[in-house]
Amino acid sequence: QIQLVESGGGLVQVGGSLRLSCVASGSSFRINVMGWYRLAPGKQRELAATITSGGSTWYADPVKGRFTISRDNAKNTVYLQMNDLKPEDTAVYYCNADVTSSGYRSIDNWGQGTQVTVSS
């Protein structure tokens, strides 16, 4: 079992930037894919970006060109750099990890979430 802890959320004005971090901890695990989801009031949870262990990235259309996902494998940490933020980016952002531990794959690993609020 692993634990994911996010940080870096906050209140920012339109056009501003924030960087989210997610640190994974536990014993004897290998992270396959890490991703950032977001949940806005009244909307369904949305996948924003993912990154594989090899560094391949994917972005949802609403964030493409503004968000950058990266990871530090040595630190078991994934980052989400968010630039040119818009009010519609307001949401709770959750880190997710697809991991393998003791030969078993688990995709249901979530952080506690961090609030991002963009004011106009």
PDB file of N, CA and C in Angstrom:
ATOM      1  N   GLN A   1       0.848  -1.180   0.000  1.00  0.00           N
ATOM      2  CA  GLN A   1       0.000   0.000   0.000  1.00  0.00           C
ATOM      3  C   GLN A   1       0.886   1.234   0.000  1.00  0.00           C
ATOM      4  N   ILE A   2       0.468   2.222  -0.770  1.00  0.00           N
ATOM      5  CA  ILE A   2       1.247   3.452  -0.789  1.00  0.00           C
ATOM      6  C   ILE A   2       0.374   4.610  -0.332  1.00  0.00           C
ATOM      7  N   GLN A   3       1.018   5.674   0.063  1.00  0.00           N
ATOM      8  CA  GLN A   3       0.338   6.893   0.456  1.00  0.00           C
ATOM      9  C   GLN A   3       0.760   8.001  -0.508  1.00  0.00           C
ATOM     10  N   LEU A   4      -0.202   8.825  -0.864  1.00  0.00           N
ATOM     11  CA  LEU A   4       0.044   9.961  -1.735  1.00  0.00           C
ATOM     12  C   LEU A   4      -0.343  11.232  -0.997  1.00  0.00           C
ATOM     13  N   VAL A   5       0.547  12.193  -1.003  1.00  0.00           N
ATOM     14  CA  VAL A   5       0.283  13.457  -0.312  1.00  0.00           C
ATOM     15  C   VAL A   5       0.513  14.597  -1.293  1.00  0.00           C
ATOM     16  N   GLU A   6      -0.555  15.369  -1.533  1.00  0.00           N
ATOM     17  CA  GLU A   6      -0.463  16.502  -2.442  1.00  0.00           C
ATOM     18  C   GLU A   6      -0.194  17.784  -1.670  1.00  0.00           C
ATOM     19  N   SER A   7       0.366  18.745  -2.376  1.00  0.00           N
ATOM     20  CA  SER A   7       0.562  20.079  -1.820  1.00  0.00           C
ATOM     21  C   SER A   7       0.653  21.064  -2.974  1.00  0.00           C
ATOM     22  N   GLY A   8       0.533  22.346  -2.628  1.00  0.00           N
ATOM     23  CA  GLY A   8       0.750  23.384  -3.624  1.00  0.00           C
ATOM     24  C   GLY A   8      -0.488  24.110  -4.099  1.00  0.00           C
ATOM     25  N   GLY A   9      -1.660  23.664  -3.659  1.00  0.00           N
ATOM     26  CA  GLY A   9      -2.870  24.365  -4.069  1.00  0.00           C
ATOM     27  C   GLY A   9      -2.980  25.714  -3.401  1.00  0.00           C
ATOM     28  N   GLY A  10      -3.988  26.469  -3.819  1.00  0.00           N
ATOM     29  CA  GLY A  10      -4.185  27.772  -3.221  1.00  0.00           C
ATOM     30  C   GLY A  10      -5.091  28.640  -4.060  1.00  0.00           C
ATOM     31  N   LEU A  11      -5.103  29.916  -3.710  1.00  0.00           N
ATOM     32  CA  LEU A  11      -5.915  30.914  -4.409  1.00  0.00           C
ATOM     33  C   LEU A  11      -5.003  31.738  -5.304  1.00  0.00           C
ATOM     34  N   VAL A  12      -5.402  31.879  -6.552  1.00  0.00           N
ATOM     35  CA  VAL A  12      -4.583  32.625  -7.509  1.00  0.00           C
ATOM     36  C   VAL A  12      -5.514  33.401  -8.439  1.00  0.00           C
ATOM     37  N   GLN A  13      -5.030  34.487  -8.963  1.00  0.00           N
ATOM     38  CA  GLN A  13      -5.832  35.274  -9.892  1.00  0.00           C
ATOM     39  C   GLN A  13      -5.740  34.709 -11.310  1.00  0.00           C
ATOM     40  N   VAL A  14      -6.712  35.073 -12.119  1.00  0.00           N
ATOM     41  CA  VAL A  14      -6.708  34.650 -13.518  1.00  0.00           C
ATOM     42  C   VAL A  14      -5.373  35.018 -14.170  1.00  0.00           C
ATOM     43  N   GLY A  15      -4.831  34.057 -14.903  1.00  0.00           N
ATOM     44  CA  GLY A  15      -3.550  34.261 -15.550  1.00  0.00           C
ATOM     45  C   GLY A  15      -2.352  33.876 -14.711  1.00  0.00           C
ATOM     46  N   GLY A  16      -2.599  33.573 -13.453  1.00  0.00           N
ATOM     47  CA  GLY A  16      -1.510  33.218 -12.561  1.00  0.00           C
ATOM     48  C   GLY A  16      -1.067  31.772 -12.719  1.00  0.00           C
ATOM     49  N   SER A  17      -0.137  31.385 -11.864  1.00  0.00           N
ATOM     50  CA  SER A  17       0.448  30.044 -11.931  1.00  0.00           C
ATOM     51  C   SER A  17       0.488  29.405 -10.553  1.00  0.00           C
ATOM     52  N   LEU A  18       0.434  28.102 -10.552  1.00  0.00           N
ATOM     53  CA  LEU A  18       0.629  27.295  -9.350  1.00  0.00           C
ATOM     54  C   LEU A  18       1.352  26.024  -9.747  1.00  0.00           C
ATOM     55  N   ARG A  19       2.082  25.454  -8.797  1.00  0.00           N
ATOM     56  CA  ARG A  19       2.691  24.158  -9.024  1.00  0.00           C
ATOM     57  C   ARG A  19       2.249  23.202  -7.925  1.00  0.00           C
ATOM     58  N   LEU A  20       1.619  22.124  -8.351  1.00  0.00           N
ATOM     59  CA  LEU A  20       1.198  21.091  -7.420  1.00  0.00           C
ATOM     60  C   LEU A  20       2.271  20.008  -7.341  1.00  0.00           C
ATOM     61  N   SER A  21       2.392  19.428  -6.157  1.00  0.00           N
ATOM     62  CA  SER A  21       3.316  18.317  -5.953  1.00  0.00           C
ATOM     63  C   SER A  21       2.567  17.158  -5.326  1.00  0.00           C
ATOM     64  N   CYS A  22       3.008  15.961  -5.630  1.00  0.00           N
ATOM     65  CA  CYS A  22       2.432  14.757  -5.033  1.00  0.00           C
ATOM     66  C   CYS A  22       3.574  13.793  -4.736  1.00  0.00           C
ATOM     67  N   VAL A  23       3.732  13.463  -3.476  1.00  0.00           N
ATOM     68  CA  VAL A  23       4.788  12.555  -3.052  1.00  0.00           C
ATOM     69  C   VAL A  23       4.189  11.210  -2.685  1.00  0.00           C
ATOM     70  N   ALA A  24       4.759  10.168  -3.246  1.00  0.00           N
ATOM     71  CA  ALA A  24       4.316   8.808  -2.939  1.00  0.00           C
ATOM     72  C   ALA A  24       5.282   8.166  -1.951  1.00  0.00           C
ATOM     73  N   SER A  25       4.719   7.483  -0.965  1.00  0.00           N
ATOM     74  CA  SER A  25       5.559   6.792   0.009  1.00  0.00           C
ATOM     75  C   SER A  25       4.966   5.429   0.311  1.00  0.00           C
ATOM     76  N   GLY A  26       5.796   4.539   0.783  1.00  0.00           N
ATOM     77  CA  GLY A  26       5.364   3.189   1.099  1.00  0.00           C
ATOM     78  C   GLY A  26       6.561   2.272   1.015  1.00  0.00           C
ATOM     79  N   SER A  27       6.307   0.996   0.894  1.00  0.00           N
ATOM     80  CA  SER A  27       7.415   0.045   0.834  1.00  0.00           C
ATOM     81  C   SER A  27       7.286  -0.843  -0.389  1.00  0.00           C
ATOM     82  N   SER A  28       8.422  -1.077  -1.013  1.00  0.00           N
ATOM     83  CA  SER A  28       8.540  -2.035  -2.110  1.00  0.00           C
ATOM     84  C   SER A  28       7.487  -1.840  -3.190  1.00  0.00           C
ATOM     85  N   PHE A  29       7.470  -0.683  -3.808  1.00  0.00           N
ATOM     86  CA  PHE A  29       6.535  -0.454  -4.883  1.00  0.00           C
ATOM     87  C   PHE A  29       7.242   0.167  -6.070  1.00  0.00           C
ATOM     88  N   ARG A  30       6.625   0.013  -7.206  1.00  0.00           N
ATOM     89  CA  ARG A  30       7.093   0.653  -8.424  1.00  0.00           C
ATOM     90  C   ARG A  30       5.931   1.409  -9.036  1.00  0.00           C
ATOM     91  N   ILE A  31       6.160   2.679  -9.299  1.00  0.00           N
ATOM     92  CA  ILE A  31       5.105   3.506  -9.877  1.00  0.00           C
ATOM     93  C   ILE A  31       5.127   3.369 -11.389  1.00  0.00           C
ATOM     94  N   ASN A  32       4.000   3.038 -11.955  1.00  0.00           N
ATOM     95  CA  ASN A  32       3.893   2.906 -13.401  1.00  0.00           C
ATOM     96  C   ASN A  32       3.466   4.223 -14.036  1.00  0.00           C
ATOM     97  N   VAL A  33       2.267   4.639 -13.724  1.00  0.00           N
ATOM     98  CA  VAL A  33       1.727   5.888 -14.264  1.00  0.00           C
ATOM     99  C   VAL A  33       1.234   6.742 -13.106  1.00  0.00           C
ATOM    100  N   MET A  34       1.502   8.016 -13.182  1.00  0.00           N
ATOM    101  CA  MET A  34       0.941   8.963 -12.216  1.00  0.00           C
ATOM    102  C   MET A  34       0.118   9.986 -12.975  1.00  0.00           C
ATOM    103  N   GLY A  35      -0.923  10.423 -12.313  1.00  0.00           N
ATOM    104  CA  GLY A  35      -1.796  11.376 -12.993  1.00  0.00           C
ATOM    105  C   GLY A  35      -2.433  12.353 -12.029  1.00  0.00           C
ATOM    106  N   TRP A  36      -2.960  13.403 -12.609  1.00  0.00           N
ATOM    107  CA  TRP A  36      -3.707  14.404 -11.863  1.00  0.00           C
ATOM    108  C   TRP A  36      -5.139  14.442 -12.383  1.00  0.00           C
ATOM    109  N   TYR A  37      -6.070  14.290 -11.463  1.00  0.00           N
ATOM    110  CA  TYR A  37      -7.485  14.437 -11.753  1.00  0.00           C
ATOM    111  C   TYR A  37      -7.956  15.712 -11.057  1.00  0.00           C
ATOM    112  N   ARG A  38      -9.103  16.207 -11.513  1.00  0.00           N
ATOM    113  CA  ARG A  38      -9.692  17.346 -10.822  1.00  0.00           C
ATOM    114  C   ARG A  38     -11.204  17.190 -10.755  1.00  0.00           C
ATOM    115  N   LEU A  39     -11.747  17.734  -9.682  1.00  0.00           N
ATOM    116  CA  LEU A  39     -13.182  17.654  -9.441  1.00  0.00           C
ATOM    117  C   LEU A  39     -13.676  19.046  -9.114  1.00  0.00           C
ATOM    118  N   ALA A  40     -14.494  19.566 -10.028  1.00  0.00           N
ATOM    119  CA  ALA A  40     -15.059  20.892  -9.841  1.00  0.00           C
ATOM    120  C   ALA A  40     -16.492  20.772  -9.341  1.00  0.00           C
ATOM    121  N   PRO A  41     -16.977  21.765  -8.628  1.00  0.00           N
ATOM    122  CA  PRO A  41     -18.355  21.713  -8.122  1.00  0.00           C
ATOM    123  C   PRO A  41     -19.355  21.505  -9.251  1.00  0.00           C
ATOM    124  N   GLY A  42     -20.223  20.524  -9.065  1.00  0.00           N
ATOM    125  CA  GLY A  42     -21.267  20.278 -10.042  1.00  0.00           C
ATOM    126  C   GLY A  42     -20.813  19.543 -11.288  1.00  0.00           C
ATOM    127  N   LYS A  43     -19.564  19.125 -11.309  1.00  0.00           N
ATOM    128  CA  LYS A  43     -19.050  18.429 -12.493  1.00  0.00           C
ATOM    129  C   LYS A  43     -18.512  17.057 -12.114  1.00  0.00           C
ATOM    130  N   GLN A  44     -18.293  16.238 -13.122  1.00  0.00           N
ATOM    131  CA  GLN A  44     -17.701  14.929 -12.889  1.00  0.00           C
ATOM    132  C   GLN A  44     -16.181  15.059 -12.782  1.00  0.00           C
ATOM    133  N   ARG A  45     -15.595  14.091 -12.122  1.00  0.00           N
ATOM    134  CA  ARG A  45     -14.140  14.077 -12.027  1.00  0.00           C
ATOM    135  C   ARG A  45     -13.534  13.978 -13.419  1.00  0.00           C
ATOM    136  N   GLU A  46     -12.490  14.751 -13.635  1.00  0.00           N
ATOM    137  CA  GLU A  46     -11.869  14.854 -14.953  1.00  0.00           C
ATOM    138  C   GLU A  46     -10.381  14.546 -14.849  1.00  0.00           C
ATOM    139  N   LEU A  47      -9.903  13.739 -15.766  1.00  0.00           N
ATOM    140  CA  LEU A  47      -8.468  13.486 -15.831  1.00  0.00           C
ATOM    141  C   LEU A  47      -7.812  14.657 -16.539  1.00  0.00           C
ATOM    142  N   ALA A  48      -6.820  15.234 -15.902  1.00  0.00           N
ATOM    143  CA  ALA A  48      -6.162  16.409 -16.470  1.00  0.00           C
ATOM    144  C   ALA A  48      -4.869  16.060 -17.203  1.00  0.00           C
ATOM    145  N   ALA A  49      -4.056  15.199 -16.592  1.00  0.00           N
ATOM    146  CA  ALA A  49      -2.762  14.892 -17.188  1.00  0.00           C
ATOM    147  C   ALA A  49      -2.214  13.610 -16.580  1.00  0.00           C
ATOM    148  N   THR A  50      -1.402  12.895 -17.374  1.00  0.00           N
ATOM    149  CA  THR A  50      -0.732  11.704 -16.879  1.00  0.00           C
ATOM    150  C   THR A  50       0.706  11.678 -17.369  1.00  0.00           C
ATOM    151  N   ILE A  51       1.507  10.891 -16.654  1.00  0.00           N
ATOM    152  CA  ILE A  51       2.895  10.699 -17.061  1.00  0.00           C
ATOM    153  C   ILE A  51       3.312   9.279 -16.713  1.00  0.00           C
ATOM    154  N   THR A  52       3.962   8.619 -17.658  1.00  0.00           N
ATOM    155  CA  THR A  52       4.409   7.251 -17.427  1.00  0.00           C
ATOM    156  C   THR A  52       5.784   7.242 -16.757  1.00  0.00           C
ATOM    157  N   SER A  53       6.209   6.060 -16.375  1.00  0.00           N
ATOM    158  CA  SER A  53       7.534   5.942 -15.767  1.00  0.00           C
ATOM    159  C   SER A  53       8.626   6.344 -16.733  1.00  0.00           C
ATOM    160  N   GLY A  54       8.359   6.214 -18.013  1.00  0.00           N
ATOM    161  CA  GLY A  54       9.342   6.601 -19.020  1.00  0.00           C
ATOM    162  C   GLY A  54       9.283   8.058 -19.412  1.00  0.00           C
ATOM    163  N   GLY A  55       8.297   8.768 -18.873  1.00  0.00           N
ATOM    164  CA  GLY A  55       8.207  10.196 -19.135  1.00  0.00           C
ATOM    165  C   GLY A  55       7.229  10.603 -20.214  1.00  0.00           C
ATOM    166  N   SER A  56       6.500   9.653 -20.778  1.00  0.00           N
ATOM    167  CA  SER A  56       5.489  10.011 -21.782  1.00  0.00           C
ATOM    168  C   SER A  56       4.315  10.693 -21.093  1.00  0.00           C
ATOM    169  N   THR A  57       3.841  11.754 -21.702  1.00  0.00           N
ATOM    170  CA  THR A  57       2.782  12.555 -21.081  1.00  0.00           C
ATOM    171  C   THR A  57       1.533  12.596 -21.942  1.00  0.00           C
ATOM    172  N   TRP A  58       0.422  12.872 -21.275  1.00  0.00           N
ATOM    173  CA  TRP A  58      -0.863  13.053 -21.944  1.00  0.00           C
ATOM    174  C   TRP A  58      -1.587  14.178 -21.226  1.00  0.00           C
ATOM    175  N   TYR A  59      -2.290  14.998 -21.988  1.00  0.00           N
ATOM    176  CA  TYR A  59      -3.041  16.111 -21.415  1.00  0.00           C
ATOM    177  C   TYR A  59      -4.461  16.151 -21.967  1.00  0.00           C
ATOM    178  N   ALA A  60      -5.386  16.509 -21.108  1.00  0.00           N
ATOM    179  CA  ALA A  60      -6.741  16.766 -21.558  1.00  0.00           C
ATOM    180  C   ALA A  60      -6.748  18.062 -22.359  1.00  0.00           C
ATOM    181  N   ASP A  61      -7.644  18.143 -23.322  1.00  0.00           N
ATOM    182  CA  ASP A  61      -7.683  19.327 -24.182  1.00  0.00           C
ATOM    183  C   ASP A  61      -7.809  20.649 -23.420  1.00  0.00           C
ATOM    184  N   PRO A  62      -8.625  20.710 -22.349  1.00  0.00           N
ATOM    185  CA  PRO A  62      -8.782  22.000 -21.656  1.00  0.00           C
ATOM    186  C   PRO A  62      -7.498  22.540 -21.025  1.00  0.00           C
ATOM    187  N   VAL A  63      -6.517  21.674 -20.774  1.00  0.00           N
ATOM    188  CA  VAL A  63      -5.308  22.122 -20.093  1.00  0.00           C
ATOM    189  C   VAL A  63      -4.085  22.094 -20.991  1.00  0.00           C
ATOM    190  N   LYS A  64      -4.244  21.537 -22.176  1.00  0.00           N
ATOM    191  CA  LYS A  64      -3.114  21.395 -23.090  1.00  0.00           C
ATOM    192  C   LYS A  64      -2.519  22.761 -23.424  1.00  0.00           C
ATOM    193  N   GLY A  65      -1.208  22.832 -23.335  1.00  0.00           N
ATOM    194  CA  GLY A  65      -0.525  24.080 -23.620  1.00  0.00           C
ATOM    195  C   GLY A  65      -0.387  24.997 -22.426  1.00  0.00           C
ATOM    196  N   ARG A  66      -1.103  24.709 -21.340  1.00  0.00           N
ATOM    197  CA  ARG A  66      -1.028  25.542 -20.133  1.00  0.00           C
ATOM    198  C   ARG A  66      -0.464  24.770 -18.939  1.00  0.00           C
ATOM    199  N   PHE A  67      -0.733  23.482 -18.876  1.00  0.00           N
ATOM    200  CA  PHE A  67      -0.266  22.644 -17.767  1.00  0.00           C
ATOM    201  C   PHE A  67       0.889  21.767 -18.247  1.00  0.00           C
ATOM    202  N   THR A  68       1.804  21.502 -17.342  1.00  0.00           N
ATOM    203  CA  THR A  68       2.915  20.601 -17.624  1.00  0.00           C
ATOM    204  C   THR A  68       3.065  19.626 -16.465  1.00  0.00           C
ATOM    205  N   ILE A  69       3.012  18.348 -16.782  1.00  0.00           N
ATOM    206  CA  ILE A  69       3.210  17.314 -15.772  1.00  0.00           C
ATOM    207  C   ILE A  69       4.638  16.798 -15.877  1.00  0.00           C
ATOM    208  N   SER A  70       5.252  16.560 -14.734  1.00  0.00           N
ATOM    209  CA  SER A  70       6.608  16.031 -14.720  1.00  0.00           C
ATOM    210  C   SER A  70       6.760  15.152 -13.486  1.00  0.00           C
ATOM    211  N   ARG A  71       7.823  14.389 -13.443  1.00  0.00           N
ATOM    212  CA  ARG A  71       8.029  13.525 -12.295  1.00  0.00           C
ATOM    213  C   ARG A  71       9.507  13.377 -12.003  1.00  0.00           C
ATOM    214  N   ASP A  72       9.784  13.129 -10.743  1.00  0.00           N
ATOM    215  CA  ASP A  72      11.129  12.830 -10.275  1.00  0.00           C
ATOM    216  C   ASP A  72      11.060  11.416  -9.728  1.00  0.00           C
ATOM    217  N   ASN A  73      11.514  10.450 -10.505  1.00  0.00           N
ATOM    218  CA  ASN A  73      11.390   9.060 -10.096  1.00  0.00           C
ATOM    219  C   ASN A  73      12.194   8.765  -8.824  1.00  0.00           C
ATOM    220  N   ALA A  74      13.311   9.420  -8.671  1.00  0.00           N
ATOM    221  CA  ALA A  74      14.138   9.184  -7.483  1.00  0.00           C
ATOM    222  C   ALA A  74      13.424   9.627  -6.214  1.00  0.00           C
ATOM    223  N   LYS A  75      12.567  10.624  -6.341  1.00  0.00           N
ATOM    224  CA  LYS A  75      11.845  11.147  -5.177  1.00  0.00           C
ATOM    225  C   LYS A  75      10.407  10.653  -5.129  1.00  0.00           C
ATOM    226  N   ASN A  76      10.009   9.806  -6.085  1.00  0.00           N
ATOM    227  CA  ASN A  76       8.618   9.326  -6.162  1.00  0.00           C
ATOM    228  C   ASN A  76       7.635  10.489  -6.107  1.00  0.00           C
ATOM    229  N   THR A  77       7.935  11.508  -6.861  1.00  0.00           N
ATOM    230  CA  THR A  77       7.145  12.729  -6.833  1.00  0.00           C
ATOM    231  C   THR A  77       6.702  13.104  -8.242  1.00  0.00           C
ATOM    232  N   VAL A  78       5.459  13.550  -8.340  1.00  0.00           N
ATOM    233  CA  VAL A  78       4.939  14.072  -9.594  1.00  0.00           C
ATOM    234  C   VAL A  78       4.521  15.516  -9.376  1.00  0.00           C
ATOM    235  N   TYR A  79       4.723  16.316 -10.390  1.00  0.00           N
ATOM    236  CA  TYR A  79       4.404  17.741 -10.313  1.00  0.00           C
ATOM    237  C   TYR A  79       3.396  18.099 -11.399  1.00  0.00           C
ATOM    238  N   LEU A  80       2.647  19.132 -11.137  1.00  0.00           N
ATOM    239  CA  LEU A  80       1.775  19.699 -12.158  1.00  0.00           C
ATOM    240  C   LEU A  80       1.971  21.208 -12.139  1.00  0.00           C
ATOM    241  N   GLN A  81       2.666  21.695 -13.145  1.00  0.00           N
ATOM    242  CA  GLN A  81       2.853  23.126 -13.290  1.00  0.00           C
ATOM    243  C   GLN A  81       1.675  23.683 -14.074  1.00  0.00           C
ATOM    244  N   MET A  82       0.970  24.607 -13.454  1.00  0.00           N
ATOM    245  CA  MET A  82      -0.237  25.157 -14.064  1.00  0.00           C
ATOM    246  C   MET A  82      -0.015  26.637 -14.331  1.00  0.00           C
ATOM    247  N   ASN A  83      -0.038  27.007 -15.585  1.00  0.00           N
ATOM    248  CA  ASN A  83       0.149  28.395 -15.998  1.00  0.00           C
ATOM    249  C   ASN A  83      -1.115  28.917 -16.659  1.00  0.00           C
ATOM    250  N   ASP A  84      -1.191  30.235 -16.744  1.00  0.00           N
ATOM    251  CA  ASP A  84      -2.328  30.892 -17.395  1.00  0.00           C
ATOM    252  C   ASP A  84      -3.648  30.325 -16.875  1.00  0.00           C
ATOM    253  N   LEU A  85      -3.769  30.297 -15.578  1.00  0.00           N
ATOM    254  CA  LEU A  85      -4.943  29.688 -14.957  1.00  0.00           C
ATOM    255  C   LEU A  85      -6.211  30.476 -15.254  1.00  0.00           C
ATOM    256  N   LYS A  86      -7.288  29.735 -15.382  1.00  0.00           N
ATOM    257  CA  LYS A  86      -8.596  30.305 -15.707  1.00  0.00           C
ATOM    258  C   LYS A  86      -9.592  29.926 -14.605  1.00  0.00           C
ATOM    259  N   PRO A  87     -10.684  30.674 -14.485  1.00  0.00           N
ATOM    260  CA  PRO A  87     -11.673  30.329 -13.452  1.00  0.00           C
ATOM    261  C   PRO A  87     -12.174  28.897 -13.572  1.00  0.00           C
ATOM    262  N   GLU A  88     -12.262  28.389 -14.792  1.00  0.00           N
ATOM    263  CA  GLU A  88     -12.742  27.014 -14.978  1.00  0.00           C
ATOM    264  C   GLU A  88     -11.744  25.960 -14.517  1.00  0.00           C
ATOM    265  N   ASP A  89     -10.551  26.371 -14.151  1.00  0.00           N
ATOM    266  CA  ASP A  89      -9.587  25.439 -13.564  1.00  0.00           C
ATOM    267  C   ASP A  89      -9.828  25.244 -12.066  1.00  0.00           C
ATOM    268  N   THR A  90     -10.721  26.026 -11.503  1.00  0.00           N
ATOM    269  CA  THR A  90     -11.032  25.886 -10.083  1.00  0.00           C
ATOM    270  C   THR A  90     -11.588  24.502  -9.797  1.00  0.00           C
ATOM    271  N   ALA A  91     -10.956  23.807  -8.882  1.00  0.00           N
ATOM    272  CA  ALA A  91     -11.336  22.424  -8.574  1.00  0.00           C
ATOM    273  C   ALA A  91     -10.460  21.902  -7.444  1.00  0.00           C
ATOM    274  N   VAL A  92     -10.845  20.755  -6.933  1.00  0.00           N
ATOM    275  CA  VAL A  92      -9.943  20.001  -6.063  1.00  0.00           C
ATOM    276  C   VAL A  92      -9.143  19.071  -6.965  1.00  0.00           C
ATOM    277  N   TYR A  93      -7.841  19.137  -6.831  1.00  0.00           N
ATOM    278  CA  TYR A  93      -6.955  18.337  -7.674  1.00  0.00           C
ATOM    279  C   TYR A  93      -6.456  17.139  -6.874  1.00  0.00           C
ATOM    280  N   TYR A  94      -6.583  15.971  -7.482  1.00  0.00           N
ATOM    281  CA  TYR A  94      -6.197  14.730  -6.837  1.00  0.00           C
ATOM    282  C   TYR A  94      -5.077  14.050  -7.623  1.00  0.00           C
ATOM    283  N   CYS A  95      -4.135  13.554  -6.878  1.00  0.00           N
ATOM    284  CA  CYS A  95      -3.053  12.761  -7.454  1.00  0.00           C
ATOM    285  C   CYS A  95      -3.477  11.286  -7.453  1.00  0.00           C
ATOM    286  N   ASN A  96      -3.158  10.612  -8.525  1.00  0.00           N
ATOM    287  CA  ASN A  96      -3.443   9.174  -8.629  1.00  0.00           C
ATOM    288  C   ASN A  96      -2.190   8.444  -9.077  1.00  0.00           C
ATOM    289  N   ALA A  97      -1.993   7.246  -8.555  1.00  0.00           N
ATOM    290  CA  ALA A  97      -0.827   6.458  -8.938  1.00  0.00           C
ATOM    291  C   ALA A  97      -1.220   5.033  -9.271  1.00  0.00           C
ATOM    292  N   ASP A  98      -0.700   4.575 -10.376  1.00  0.00           N
ATOM    293  CA  ASP A  98      -0.828   3.178 -10.816  1.00  0.00           C
ATOM    294  C   ASP A  98       0.486   2.516 -10.417  1.00  0.00           C
ATOM    295  N   VAL A  99       0.421   1.585  -9.460  1.00  0.00           N
ATOM    296  CA  VAL A  99       1.660   1.033  -8.925  1.00  0.00           C
ATOM    297  C   VAL A  99       1.652  -0.482  -8.979  1.00  0.00           C
ATOM    298  N   THR A 100       2.852  -1.043  -8.914  1.00  0.00           N
ATOM    299  CA  THR A 100       3.020  -2.481  -8.768  1.00  0.00           C
ATOM    300  C   THR A 100       3.794  -2.715  -7.478  1.00  0.00           C
ATOM    301  N   SER A 101       3.245  -3.591  -6.653  1.00  0.00           N
ATOM    302  CA  SER A 101       3.879  -3.900  -5.370  1.00  0.00           C
ATOM    303  C   SER A 101       3.715  -5.383  -5.091  1.00  0.00           C
ATOM    304  N   SER A 102       4.821  -6.033  -4.815  1.00  0.00           N
ATOM    305  CA  SER A 102       4.819  -7.481  -4.547  1.00  0.00           C
ATOM    306  C   SER A 102       4.147  -8.256  -5.669  1.00  0.00           C
ATOM    307  N   GLY A 103       4.348  -7.789  -6.888  1.00  0.00           N
ATOM    308  CA  GLY A 103       3.811  -8.470  -8.048  1.00  0.00           C
ATOM    309  C   GLY A 103       2.374  -8.156  -8.381  1.00  0.00           C
ATOM    310  N   TYR A 104       1.733  -7.334  -7.590  1.00  0.00           N
ATOM    311  CA  TYR A 104       0.339  -6.983  -7.820  1.00  0.00           C
ATOM    312  C   TYR A 104       0.235  -5.519  -8.262  1.00  0.00           C
ATOM    313  N   ARG A 105      -0.626  -5.313  -9.239  1.00  0.00           N
ATOM    314  CA  ARG A 105      -0.842  -3.962  -9.761  1.00  0.00           C
ATOM    315  C   ARG A 105      -2.061  -3.346  -9.098  1.00  0.00           C
ATOM    316  N   SER A 106      -1.943  -2.120  -8.723  1.00  0.00           N
ATOM    317  CA  SER A 106      -3.034  -1.399  -8.090  1.00  0.00           C
ATOM    318  C   SER A 106      -3.149  -0.019  -8.736  1.00  0.00           C
ATOM    319  N   ILE A 107      -4.367   0.331  -9.151  1.00  0.00           N
ATOM    320  CA  ILE A 107      -4.572   1.637  -9.783  1.00  0.00           C
ATOM    321  C   ILE A 107      -5.383   2.572  -8.900  1.00  0.00           C
ATOM    322  N   ASP A 108      -5.904   2.073  -7.820  1.00  0.00           N
ATOM    323  CA  ASP A 108      -6.808   2.851  -6.979  1.00  0.00           C
ATOM    324  C   ASP A 108      -6.060   3.478  -5.800  1.00  0.00           C
ATOM    325  N   ASN A 109      -5.086   4.295  -6.130  1.00  0.00           N
ATOM    326  CA  ASN A 109      -4.300   4.972  -5.106  1.00  0.00           C
ATOM    327  C   ASN A 109      -4.468   6.471  -5.280  1.00  0.00           C
ATOM    328  N   TRP A 110      -4.986   7.130  -4.249  1.00  0.00           N
ATOM    329  CA  TRP A 110      -5.352   8.538  -4.349  1.00  0.00           C
ATOM    330  C   TRP A 110      -4.789   9.343  -3.190  1.00  0.00           C
ATOM    331  N   GLY A 111      -4.489  10.577  -3.487  1.00  0.00           N
ATOM    332  CA  GLY A 111      -4.153  11.527  -2.442  1.00  0.00           C
ATOM    333  C   GLY A 111      -5.413  12.121  -1.853  1.00  0.00           C
ATOM    334  N   GLN A 112      -5.226  13.016  -0.892  1.00  0.00           N
ATOM    335  CA  GLN A 112      -6.357  13.609  -0.194  1.00  0.00           C
ATOM    336  C   GLN A 112      -6.961  14.787  -0.952  1.00  0.00           C
ATOM    337  N   GLY A 113      -6.256  15.276  -1.942  1.00  0.00           N
ATOM    338  CA  GLY A 113      -6.739  16.390  -2.740  1.00  0.00           C
ATOM    339  C   GLY A 113      -6.203  17.718  -2.251  1.00  0.00           C
ATOM    340  N   THR A 114      -6.050  18.638  -3.187  1.00  0.00           N
ATOM    341  CA  THR A 114      -5.628  19.993  -2.844  1.00  0.00           C
ATOM    342  C   THR A 114      -6.484  20.974  -3.656  1.00  0.00           C
ATOM    343  N   GLN A 115      -6.976  21.979  -2.966  1.00  0.00           N
ATOM    344  CA  GLN A 115      -7.904  22.928  -3.588  1.00  0.00           C
ATOM    345  C   GLN A 115      -7.140  23.963  -4.408  1.00  0.00           C
ATOM    346  N   VAL A 116      -7.609  24.172  -5.619  1.00  0.00           N
ATOM    347  CA  VAL A 116      -7.105  25.248  -6.472  1.00  0.00           C
ATOM    348  C   VAL A 116      -8.286  26.161  -6.797  1.00  0.00           C
ATOM    349  N   THR A 117      -8.138  27.424  -6.466  1.00  0.00           N
ATOM    350  CA  THR A 117      -9.189  28.402  -6.736  1.00  0.00           C
ATOM    351  C   THR A 117      -8.611  29.534  -7.558  1.00  0.00           C
ATOM    352  N   VAL A 118      -9.250  29.792  -8.692  1.00  0.00           N
ATOM    353  CA  VAL A 118      -8.798  30.858  -9.585  1.00  0.00           C
ATOM    354  C   VAL A 118      -9.862  31.952  -9.571  1.00  0.00           C
ATOM    355  N   SER A 119      -9.468  33.116  -9.128  1.00  0.00           N
ATOM    356  CA  SER A 119     -10.418  34.223  -9.015  1.00  0.00           C
ATOM    357  C   SER A 119     -10.295  35.163 -10.213  1.00  0.00           C
ATOM    358  N   SER A 120     -11.444  35.675 -10.618  1.00  0.00           N
ATOM    359  CA  SER A 120     -11.451  36.574 -11.785  1.00  0.00           C
ATOM    360  C   SER A 120     -11.517  38.026 -11.354  1.00  0.00           C
TER     361      SER A 120
END
